Amino acid sequence: MSTNYELIKDETITKKVRYISFMGNLQRYDFAFIQSEECPNKTIIINLRKNRFTEITKEDLQDRGRIEHIFQETNMEADEIRNFLKEVL
């Protein structure tokens, strides 16, 4: 291995991954949820259909416009996702 860089950190962390697909009134949604013990109140959510992701807490769902922006969804689709996330987070 080349030594052109100084390695600052290299660790392996066990994470819990949950895959959920659901059919809303407007479209189908496929998500992966990643949680770790280091930050139990934060979840990484990956929209598998659009290859977009965010790190979010349940309180962040109150922030209007966040889901719309990050997942590039319409207001109606974002409301559907937001209501779903309130139940699973």
N, C-alpha and C. Protein backbone atom coordinates (compact mmCIF):
# COMPACT_ATOMS: atom_id res chain seq x y z
N MET A 1 0.84 -1.18 0.00
CA MET A 1 0.00 0.00 0.00
C MET A 1 0.89 1.24 0.00
N SER A 2 0.52 2.20 -0.78
CA SER A 2 1.26 3.45 -0.88
C SER A 2 1.09 4.27 0.40
N THR A 3 2.08 5.04 0.76
CA THR A 3 2.01 5.88 1.96
C THR A 3 1.94 7.36 1.57
N ASN A 4 1.14 7.69 0.58
CA ASN A 4 0.98 9.07 0.14
C ASN A 4 0.01 9.85 1.01
N TYR A 5 -0.54 9.22 2.01
CA TYR A 5 -1.49 9.89 2.88
C TYR A 5 -1.33 9.38 4.31
N GLU A 6 -1.81 10.16 5.25
CA GLU A 6 -1.76 9.78 6.65
C GLU A 6 -3.14 9.34 7.08
N LEU A 7 -3.28 8.10 7.46
CA LEU A 7 -4.56 7.55 7.90
C LEU A 7 -4.91 8.10 9.28
N ILE A 8 -6.03 8.78 9.38
CA ILE A 8 -6.43 9.39 10.64
C ILE A 8 -7.33 8.46 11.45
N LYS A 9 -8.25 7.79 10.77
CA LYS A 9 -9.17 6.91 11.48
C LYS A 9 -9.59 5.78 10.55
N ASP A 10 -9.67 4.57 11.10
CA ASP A 10 -10.12 3.40 10.35
C ASP A 10 -10.79 2.47 11.35
N GLU A 11 -12.10 2.47 11.39
CA GLU A 11 -12.82 1.63 12.34
C GLU A 11 -14.03 1.00 11.67
N THR A 12 -14.44 -0.12 12.21
CA THR A 12 -15.62 -0.82 11.72
C THR A 12 -16.69 -0.72 12.80
N ILE A 13 -17.89 -0.30 12.38
CA ILE A 13 -19.00 -0.12 13.31
C ILE A 13 -20.15 -0.99 12.83
N THR A 14 -20.81 -1.66 13.77
CA THR A 14 -21.97 -2.46 13.45
C THR A 14 -23.19 -1.56 13.40
N LYS A 15 -23.94 -1.68 12.33
CA LYS A 15 -25.14 -0.86 12.15
C LYS A 15 -26.34 -1.77 11.93
N LYS A 16 -27.50 -1.28 12.31
CA LYS A 16 -28.75 -1.98 12.08
C LYS A 16 -29.37 -1.41 10.80
N VAL A 17 -29.67 -2.27 9.83
CA VAL A 17 -30.25 -1.83 8.57
C VAL A 17 -31.64 -2.46 8.42
N ARG A 18 -32.60 -1.63 8.07
CA ARG A 18 -33.98 -2.08 7.88
C ARG A 18 -34.45 -1.59 6.51
N TYR A 19 -35.02 -2.49 5.71
CA TYR A 19 -35.54 -2.14 4.39
C TYR A 19 -37.05 -2.17 4.46
N ILE A 20 -37.67 -1.08 3.98
CA ILE A 20 -39.13 -1.01 3.95
C ILE A 20 -39.57 -0.49 2.60
N SER A 21 -40.51 -1.18 1.99
CA SER A 21 -41.16 -0.72 0.77
C SER A 21 -42.64 -0.59 1.09
N PHE A 22 -43.26 0.47 0.60
CA PHE A 22 -44.69 0.62 0.80
C PHE A 22 -45.30 1.34 -0.38
N MET A 23 -46.57 1.09 -0.58
CA MET A 23 -47.33 1.75 -1.64
C MET A 23 -48.19 2.82 -1.02
N GLY A 24 -47.93 4.06 -1.39
CA GLY A 24 -48.73 5.17 -0.91
C GLY A 24 -49.89 5.40 -1.87
N ASN A 25 -50.58 6.51 -1.69
CA ASN A 25 -51.67 6.86 -2.60
C ASN A 25 -51.15 7.34 -3.94
N LEU A 26 -49.90 7.83 -3.97
CA LEU A 26 -49.36 8.44 -5.18
C LEU A 26 -48.34 7.57 -5.90
N GLN A 27 -47.54 6.80 -5.17
CA GLN A 27 -46.50 5.98 -5.78
C GLN A 27 -45.96 4.97 -4.78
N ARG A 28 -45.06 4.13 -5.26
CA ARG A 28 -44.37 3.17 -4.41
C ARG A 28 -43.08 3.83 -3.90
N TYR A 29 -42.73 3.50 -2.64
CA TYR A 29 -41.54 4.03 -2.02
C TYR A 29 -40.70 2.87 -1.49
N ASP A 30 -39.39 2.95 -1.68
CA ASP A 30 -38.46 1.95 -1.18
C ASP A 30 -37.35 2.66 -0.41
N PHE A 31 -37.24 2.32 0.87
CA PHE A 31 -36.28 2.98 1.74
C PHE A 31 -35.40 1.97 2.47
N ALA A 32 -34.20 2.41 2.80
CA ALA A 32 -33.32 1.70 3.72
C ALA A 32 -33.09 2.63 4.91
N PHE A 33 -33.19 2.08 6.10
CA PHE A 33 -32.99 2.83 7.33
C PHE A 33 -31.77 2.26 8.03
N ILE A 34 -30.81 3.12 8.36
CA ILE A 34 -29.58 2.68 9.01
C ILE A 34 -29.47 3.38 10.35
N GLN A 35 -29.32 2.57 11.41
CA GLN A 35 -29.18 3.11 12.76
C GLN A 35 -27.93 2.54 13.40
N SER A 36 -27.30 3.35 14.23
CA SER A 36 -26.12 2.88 14.97
C SER A 36 -26.30 3.20 16.45
N GLU A 37 -25.54 2.50 17.26
CA GLU A 37 -25.60 2.74 18.70
C GLU A 37 -24.95 4.05 19.09
N GLU A 38 -24.06 4.57 18.24
CA GLU A 38 -23.36 5.82 18.54
C GLU A 38 -24.32 7.02 18.55
N CYS A 39 -25.29 7.04 17.66
CA CYS A 39 -26.28 8.12 17.58
C CYS A 39 -27.67 7.50 17.50
N PRO A 40 -28.21 7.05 18.62
CA PRO A 40 -29.48 6.32 18.58
C PRO A 40 -30.69 7.16 18.15
N ASN A 41 -30.61 8.49 18.26
CA ASN A 41 -31.75 9.31 17.88
C ASN A 41 -31.71 9.73 16.41
N LYS A 42 -30.61 9.45 15.72
CA LYS A 42 -30.48 9.80 14.30
C LYS A 42 -30.55 8.54 13.45
N THR A 43 -31.20 8.68 12.31
CA THR A 43 -31.33 7.58 11.36
C THR A 43 -30.90 8.07 9.99
N ILE A 44 -30.12 7.28 9.29
CA ILE A 44 -29.81 7.57 7.90
C ILE A 44 -30.89 6.90 7.07
N ILE A 45 -31.56 7.69 6.26
CA ILE A 45 -32.63 7.18 5.40
C ILE A 45 -32.17 7.31 3.96
N ILE A 46 -32.23 6.19 3.24
CA ILE A 46 -31.86 6.17 1.83
C ILE A 46 -33.10 5.87 1.00
N ASN A 47 -33.40 6.77 0.07
CA ASN A 47 -34.48 6.53 -0.89
C ASN A 47 -33.85 5.69 -2.01
N LEU A 48 -34.15 4.40 -2.02
CA LEU A 48 -33.51 3.48 -2.95
C LEU A 48 -33.93 3.69 -4.40
N ARG A 49 -35.08 4.28 -4.63
CA ARG A 49 -35.56 4.51 -5.99
C ARG A 49 -34.90 5.73 -6.63
N LYS A 50 -34.50 6.69 -5.80
CA LYS A 50 -33.93 7.93 -6.32
C LYS A 50 -32.46 8.11 -5.95
N ASN A 51 -31.89 7.16 -5.20
CA ASN A 51 -30.50 7.25 -4.77
C ASN A 51 -30.20 8.56 -4.04
N ARG A 52 -31.07 8.93 -3.14
CA ARG A 52 -30.91 10.14 -2.33
C ARG A 52 -30.96 9.70 -0.87
N PHE A 53 -30.24 10.43 0.00
CA PHE A 53 -30.22 10.05 1.41
C PHE A 53 -30.12 11.27 2.30
N THR A 54 -30.45 11.04 3.58
CA THR A 54 -30.34 12.08 4.60
C THR A 54 -30.15 11.43 5.96
N GLU A 55 -29.60 12.18 6.87
CA GLU A 55 -29.54 11.79 8.28
C GLU A 55 -30.58 12.63 8.99
N ILE A 56 -31.48 11.98 9.70
CA ILE A 56 -32.65 12.71 10.22
C ILE A 56 -33.04 12.19 11.59
N THR A 57 -33.67 13.06 12.36
CA THR A 57 -34.29 12.67 13.63
C THR A 57 -35.80 12.84 13.47
N LYS A 58 -36.53 12.31 14.40
CA LYS A 58 -37.99 12.43 14.34
C LYS A 58 -38.41 13.91 14.41
N GLU A 59 -37.66 14.71 15.15
CA GLU A 59 -37.97 16.14 15.26
C GLU A 59 -37.76 16.87 13.93
N ASP A 60 -36.83 16.40 13.12
CA ASP A 60 -36.56 17.02 11.82
C ASP A 60 -37.74 16.91 10.86
N LEU A 61 -38.64 15.98 11.12
CA LEU A 61 -39.80 15.81 10.23
C LEU A 61 -40.73 17.02 10.27
N GLN A 62 -40.62 17.83 11.31
CA GLN A 62 -41.44 19.04 11.42
C GLN A 62 -40.97 20.14 10.47
N ASP A 63 -39.75 20.01 10.00
CA ASP A 63 -39.13 21.01 9.12
C ASP A 63 -39.72 20.89 7.71
N ARG A 64 -40.71 21.72 7.41
CA ARG A 64 -41.36 21.69 6.09
C ARG A 64 -40.34 22.04 5.02
N GLY A 65 -40.35 21.28 3.96
CA GLY A 65 -39.44 21.53 2.85
C GLY A 65 -38.23 20.63 2.85
N ARG A 66 -37.91 20.03 3.98
CA ARG A 66 -36.71 19.19 4.05
C ARG A 66 -36.87 17.91 3.22
N ILE A 67 -37.95 17.19 3.43
CA ILE A 67 -38.19 15.96 2.67
C ILE A 67 -38.34 16.29 1.19
N GLU A 68 -39.06 17.36 0.89
CA GLU A 68 -39.25 17.77 -0.50
C GLU A 68 -37.90 18.01 -1.18
N HIS A 69 -37.03 18.71 -0.50
CA HIS A 69 -35.73 19.06 -1.07
C HIS A 69 -34.80 17.85 -1.19
N ILE A 70 -34.63 17.13 -0.12
CA ILE A 70 -33.65 16.04 -0.10
C ILE A 70 -34.04 14.90 -1.03
N PHE A 71 -35.31 14.49 -0.99
CA PHE A 71 -35.73 13.37 -1.82
C PHE A 71 -36.31 13.81 -3.17
N GLN A 72 -36.33 15.10 -3.42
CA GLN A 72 -36.85 15.68 -4.66
C GLN A 72 -38.26 15.17 -4.96
N GLU A 73 -39.15 15.41 -4.00
CA GLU A 73 -40.54 14.98 -4.10
C GLU A 73 -41.45 16.21 -4.11
N THR A 74 -42.65 16.02 -4.64
CA THR A 74 -43.65 17.09 -4.60
C THR A 74 -44.14 17.23 -3.16
N ASN A 75 -44.89 18.29 -2.88
CA ASN A 75 -45.42 18.49 -1.53
C ASN A 75 -46.32 17.33 -1.10
N MET A 76 -47.14 16.85 -2.01
CA MET A 76 -48.06 15.75 -1.68
C MET A 76 -47.28 14.45 -1.40
N GLU A 77 -46.28 14.16 -2.21
CA GLU A 77 -45.47 12.97 -2.00
C GLU A 77 -44.67 13.08 -0.70
N ALA A 78 -44.14 14.25 -0.44
CA ALA A 78 -43.37 14.47 0.79
C ALA A 78 -44.26 14.31 2.02
N ASP A 79 -45.51 14.76 1.95
CA ASP A 79 -46.44 14.57 3.06
C ASP A 79 -46.69 13.09 3.31
N GLU A 80 -46.81 12.33 2.24
CA GLU A 80 -47.01 10.89 2.35
C GLU A 80 -45.79 10.24 3.02
N ILE A 81 -44.61 10.62 2.61
CA ILE A 81 -43.38 10.09 3.20
C ILE A 81 -43.25 10.53 4.65
N ARG A 82 -43.52 11.79 4.91
CA ARG A 82 -43.42 12.34 6.27
C ARG A 82 -44.35 11.59 7.23
N ASN A 83 -45.59 11.36 6.82
CA ASN A 83 -46.54 10.63 7.66
C ASN A 83 -46.07 9.21 7.92
N PHE A 84 -45.50 8.57 6.92
CA PHE A 84 -44.95 7.22 7.08
C PHE A 84 -43.77 7.23 8.06
N LEU A 85 -42.86 8.18 7.89
CA LEU A 85 -41.67 8.24 8.73
C LEU A 85 -42.02 8.50 10.19
N LYS A 86 -43.07 9.26 10.43
CA LYS A 86 -43.49 9.52 11.82
C LYS A 86 -43.83 8.22 12.53
N GLU A 87 -44.32 7.23 11.78
CA GLU A 87 -44.70 5.95 12.37
C GLU A 87 -43.50 5.01 12.57
N VAL A 88 -42.51 5.07 11.69
CA VAL A 88 -41.43 4.08 11.75
C VAL A 88 -40.17 4.57 12.45
N LEU A 89 -40.01 5.87 12.63
CA LEU A 89 -38.80 6.37 13.32
C LEU A 89 -38.98 6.30 14.82
